Amino acid sequence: MIDDEKLAIEAACIRLQQRYGTLADRQDPKFAELFVADCTIALPEYPPFSGLDKIMAGQRQWRESGTFMRHVVTNHCIEVLSPTEANGICYLMVLSYDTTPGGEPLPMSRPPSFGEFHDEFVKAGGTWLFRSRTLHRYFRGFGQPA
């Protein structure tokens, strides 16, 4: 693979990591377009979400909870393995408020949490998608469970 191909793959994977937070925060139906059908998301406080149906069911539960969140995604590092596979990490900070806000700016009702996603990417049907995401949480707000 030439350097331009690797750079294009890195850019596609970074964009995927960024879109994850933005689409999740807005409860956008396009969120489903980020994953292969058998994708898995592992978060420390939940059993793994295996398969697109379970991932989207988790999104519905979050929406129904009324919790308002914003994901801040940064420090992207992508390793291109082949023309169709890559791995990567990105840092994640989550700010949240217990209920859907009536106005802004909001006082934070929960301290931020911080961790990093370990990602596996695959190119399927000409598009880069998540095969798996595993969140490693390193900091959680004062008095909150790990």
Protein backbone atom coordinates (compact mmCIF):
# COMPACT_ATOMS: atom_id res chain seq x y z
CA MET A 1 0.00 0.00 0.00
CA ILE A 2 1.23 3.48 -0.79
CA ASP A 3 1.25 6.30 1.76
CA ASP A 4 -1.72 8.09 0.15
CA GLU A 5 -3.86 4.96 0.57
CA LYS A 6 -2.86 4.65 4.24
CA LEU A 7 -3.62 8.33 4.85
CA ALA A 8 -7.05 7.95 3.23
CA ILE A 9 -7.81 4.94 5.45
CA GLU A 10 -6.66 6.79 8.57
CA ALA A 11 -8.85 9.78 7.67
CA ALA A 12 -11.89 7.53 7.08
CA CYS A 13 -11.42 5.80 10.45
CA ILE A 14 -10.92 9.08 12.32
CA ARG A 15 -14.08 10.46 10.73
CA LEU A 16 -15.94 7.34 11.88
CA GLN A 17 -14.74 7.88 15.48
CA GLN A 18 -15.83 11.51 15.36
CA ARG A 19 -19.24 10.75 13.81
CA TYR A 20 -19.92 8.17 16.52
CA GLY A 21 -20.03 10.83 19.24
CA THR A 22 -21.91 13.42 17.22
CA LEU A 23 -24.57 11.05 15.89
CA ALA A 24 -25.01 9.36 19.27
CA ASP A 25 -25.45 12.72 21.03
CA ARG A 26 -28.15 13.75 18.58
CA GLN A 27 -29.83 10.32 18.57
CA ASP A 28 -29.52 10.48 14.78
CA PRO A 29 -30.79 7.38 12.92
CA LYS A 30 -27.61 7.55 10.78
CA PHE A 31 -25.84 6.17 13.87
CA ALA A 32 -26.77 2.69 12.59
CA GLU A 33 -24.72 3.32 9.43
CA LEU A 34 -21.45 3.31 11.40
CA PHE A 35 -21.35 -0.44 12.09
CA VAL A 36 -21.17 -3.81 10.40
CA ALA A 37 -24.22 -5.94 11.23
CA ASP A 38 -22.31 -8.12 13.72
CA CYS A 39 -20.45 -5.27 15.45
CA THR A 40 -19.85 -5.38 19.21
CA ILE A 41 -19.62 -2.45 21.60
CA ALA A 42 -18.26 -3.15 25.09
CA LEU A 43 -18.78 -0.55 27.83
CA PRO A 44 -17.56 -1.22 31.40
CA GLU A 45 -20.96 -0.84 33.07
CA TYR A 46 -23.02 -2.97 30.66
CA PRO A 47 -22.95 -6.41 29.09
CA PRO A 48 -21.57 -6.17 25.52
CA PHE A 49 -23.94 -4.92 22.84
CA SER A 50 -23.49 -7.57 20.15
CA GLY A 51 -25.10 -6.94 16.79
CA LEU A 52 -26.63 -3.86 15.26
CA ASP A 53 -30.08 -4.59 16.70
CA LYS A 54 -28.73 -4.60 20.28
CA ILE A 55 -26.64 -1.48 19.65
CA MET A 56 -29.68 0.41 18.39
CA ALA A 57 -31.83 -0.92 21.25
CA GLY A 58 -29.23 0.54 23.64
CA GLN A 59 -29.55 3.87 21.82
CA ARG A 60 -33.35 3.78 22.26
CA GLN A 61 -32.98 3.06 26.00
CA TRP A 62 -30.61 6.01 26.34
CA ARG A 63 -33.03 8.29 24.47
CA GLU A 64 -35.93 7.14 26.67
CA SER A 65 -33.88 7.82 29.84
CA GLY A 66 -33.82 11.53 28.95
CA THR A 67 -30.11 11.81 29.79
CA PHE A 68 -28.44 14.60 27.80
CA MET A 69 -24.84 13.80 26.79
CA ARG A 70 -22.00 15.22 24.77
CA HIS A 71 -19.05 13.09 23.65
CA VAL A 72 -15.70 14.81 23.12
CA VAL A 73 -13.50 12.61 20.93
CA THR A 74 -9.79 13.33 20.41
CA ASN A 75 -6.22 11.90 20.22
CA HIS A 76 -6.96 9.59 17.29
CA CYS A 77 -4.34 6.97 16.51
CA ILE A 78 -5.02 4.58 13.63
CA GLU A 79 -2.94 1.58 12.54
CA VAL A 80 -3.67 0.42 8.99
CA LEU A 81 -3.38 -3.37 8.80
CA SER A 82 -4.46 -3.94 5.19
CA PRO A 83 -6.59 -2.29 2.51
CA THR A 84 -9.69 -3.58 4.36
CA GLU A 85 -8.72 -3.67 8.05
CA ALA A 86 -7.43 -1.21 10.64
CA ASN A 87 -7.23 -0.78 14.40
CA GLY A 88 -7.26 2.40 16.40
CA ILE A 89 -7.79 4.23 19.63
CA CYS A 90 -9.26 7.58 20.51
CA TYR A 91 -9.76 9.40 23.78
CA LEU A 92 -13.29 10.03 24.97
CA MET A 93 -14.63 12.50 27.49
CA VAL A 94 -18.36 12.37 28.23
CA LEU A 95 -20.30 15.25 29.75
CA SER A 96 -23.84 14.48 30.85
CA TYR A 97 -26.92 15.97 32.42
CA ASP A 98 -29.60 13.87 34.10
CA THR A 99 -32.56 15.06 32.06
CA THR A 100 -33.18 16.60 28.69
CA PRO A 101 -32.46 20.30 29.14
CA GLY A 102 -35.02 23.05 28.87
CA GLY A 103 -32.39 25.70 28.29
CA GLU A 104 -28.68 26.19 27.99
CA PRO A 105 -26.03 26.53 29.27
CA LEU A 106 -26.51 23.68 31.71
CA PRO A 107 -24.94 23.09 35.08
CA MET A 108 -23.30 19.68 34.98
CA SER A 109 -25.32 17.24 37.07
CA ARG A 110 -22.59 14.58 36.81
CA PRO A 111 -18.82 14.92 36.73
CA PRO A 112 -17.22 14.07 33.38
CA SER A 113 -15.84 10.63 32.65
CA PHE A 114 -12.74 9.94 30.59
CA GLY A 115 -11.40 6.90 28.79
CA GLU A 116 -10.37 5.57 25.44
CA PHE A 117 -12.05 3.47 22.81
CA HIS A 118 -10.09 0.59 21.29
CA ASP A 119 -11.54 0.09 17.82
CA GLU A 120 -11.45 -2.47 15.04
CA PHE A 121 -12.43 -1.17 11.60
CA VAL A 122 -13.32 -3.03 8.44
CA LYS A 123 -14.02 -1.87 4.92
CA ALA A 124 -17.33 -3.39 3.82
CA GLY A 125 -19.16 -2.51 0.63
CA GLY A 126 -16.63 0.24 -0.08
CA THR A 127 -17.22 1.96 3.30
CA TRP A 128 -15.17 1.93 6.50
CA LEU A 129 -17.24 0.73 9.49
CA PHE A 130 -16.75 -0.32 13.10
CA ARG A 131 -16.33 -4.05 13.69
CA SER A 132 -15.87 -3.53 17.42
CA ARG A 133 -15.45 -0.82 20.03
CA THR A 134 -14.24 -1.42 23.57
CA LEU A 135 -14.26 1.43 26.07
CA HIS A 136 -11.56 1.50 28.74
CA ARG A 137 -12.62 4.06 31.35
CA TYR A 138 -9.71 5.63 33.24
CA PHE A 139 -11.39 8.44 35.17
CA ARG A 140 -14.91 8.71 36.50
CA GLY A 141 -16.45 11.57 38.44
CA PHE A 142 -16.11 11.83 42.21
CA GLY A 143 -18.12 9.23 44.09
CA GLN A 144 -19.35 7.46 40.94
CA PRO A 145 -18.87 3.73 40.46
CA ALA A 146 -16.10 2.63 38.11
